[in-house]
Amino acid sequence: MKKPVTERALIKRLNRHLPKDGLKLFQCKINAHGHHELGNYYIVDTKMNMINAIHVDIEHLARHEGVLKEYEEIIK
């Protein structure tokens, strides 16, 4: 059985980890003007003040960055 991690907790973990690389994860609201272009999540390079990645899969990103372990799973 995997340990449950909420989406909100995962976002907080990522936003504690990403600033080391000058990045920050943002959530785009569904009714926002640019949602269809940005997706649910996007990353901003805070040093260059520009969008670094769009349509980010937070589970894939978290596993790649090592903030979501193999024994953990996201719950909605």
Protein backbone atom coordinates (compact mmCIF):
# COMPACT_ATOMS: atom_id res chain seq x y z
CA MET A 1 0.00 0.00 0.00
CA LYS A 2 1.35 3.39 -1.01
CA LYS A 3 1.40 6.40 1.28
CA PRO A 4 -1.12 9.02 0.12
CA VAL A 5 0.06 12.56 -0.65
CA THR A 6 -2.42 15.30 -1.49
CA GLU A 7 -2.00 17.40 -4.61
CA ARG A 8 -1.72 20.49 -2.42
CA ALA A 9 1.11 18.96 -0.37
CA LEU A 10 2.90 17.94 -3.55
CA ILE A 11 2.70 21.49 -4.92
CA LYS A 12 4.19 22.81 -1.67
CA ARG A 13 7.01 20.26 -1.88
CA LEU A 14 7.76 21.27 -5.44
CA ASN A 15 7.71 24.98 -4.62
CA ARG A 16 10.21 24.39 -1.80
CA HIS A 17 12.48 22.45 -4.17
CA LEU A 18 12.25 24.38 -7.46
CA PRO A 19 13.56 27.80 -6.25
CA LYS A 20 17.02 26.23 -6.01
CA ASP A 21 16.98 26.31 -9.82
CA GLY A 22 15.26 29.70 -10.01
CA LEU A 23 11.87 28.16 -10.85
CA LYS A 24 8.37 28.35 -9.41
CA LEU A 25 5.29 26.21 -10.11
CA PHE A 26 1.97 27.97 -10.66
CA GLN A 27 -1.56 26.63 -10.97
CA CYS A 28 -3.73 28.14 -13.68
CA LYS A 29 -7.42 28.36 -12.84
CA ILE A 30 -9.74 26.61 -15.27
CA ASN A 31 -11.69 29.81 -16.03
CA ALA A 32 -8.51 31.89 -16.57
CA HIS A 33 -7.94 33.50 -19.95
CA GLY A 34 -4.74 31.55 -20.74
CA HIS A 35 -5.73 28.15 -19.34
CA HIS A 36 -5.93 26.48 -22.75
CA GLU A 37 -2.35 27.62 -23.52
CA LEU A 38 -0.78 27.06 -20.09
CA GLY A 39 -2.62 23.98 -18.85
CA ASN A 40 -3.42 23.28 -15.19
CA TYR A 41 0.19 23.86 -14.08
CA TYR A 42 3.07 25.84 -15.53
CA ILE A 43 6.58 26.76 -14.42
CA VAL A 44 8.07 30.25 -14.39
CA ASP A 45 11.80 31.00 -14.45
CA THR A 46 12.00 33.66 -11.75
CA LYS A 47 15.45 34.86 -12.82
CA MET A 48 14.42 35.54 -16.43
CA ASN A 49 10.79 36.34 -15.50
CA MET A 50 9.40 34.12 -18.25
CA ILE A 51 7.41 30.92 -18.61
CA ASN A 52 9.72 27.91 -18.60
CA ALA A 53 7.25 25.02 -19.08
CA ILE A 54 3.54 24.64 -19.83
CA HIS A 55 1.08 21.76 -19.36
CA VAL A 56 3.25 20.39 -16.53
CA ASP A 57 2.46 16.91 -15.19
CA ILE A 58 3.16 17.51 -11.49
CA GLU A 59 3.44 13.80 -10.65
CA HIS A 60 6.06 13.23 -13.34
CA LEU A 61 7.92 16.40 -12.33
CA ALA A 62 7.84 15.48 -8.63
CA ARG A 63 9.17 11.99 -9.28
CA HIS A 64 11.89 13.37 -11.58
CA GLU A 65 12.93 15.96 -8.97
CA GLY A 66 12.85 13.35 -6.18
CA VAL A 67 10.17 15.02 -4.05
CA LEU A 68 7.64 12.20 -4.58
CA LYS A 69 9.04 8.81 -3.60
CA GLU A 70 8.15 5.45 -5.13
CA TYR A 71 6.15 4.46 -2.05
CA GLU A 72 3.92 7.57 -2.34
CA GLU A 73 0.91 8.29 -4.55
CA ILE A 74 -1.14 11.42 -5.26
CA ILE A 75 -4.72 11.52 -4.02
CA LYS A 76 -7.21 14.06 -5.32
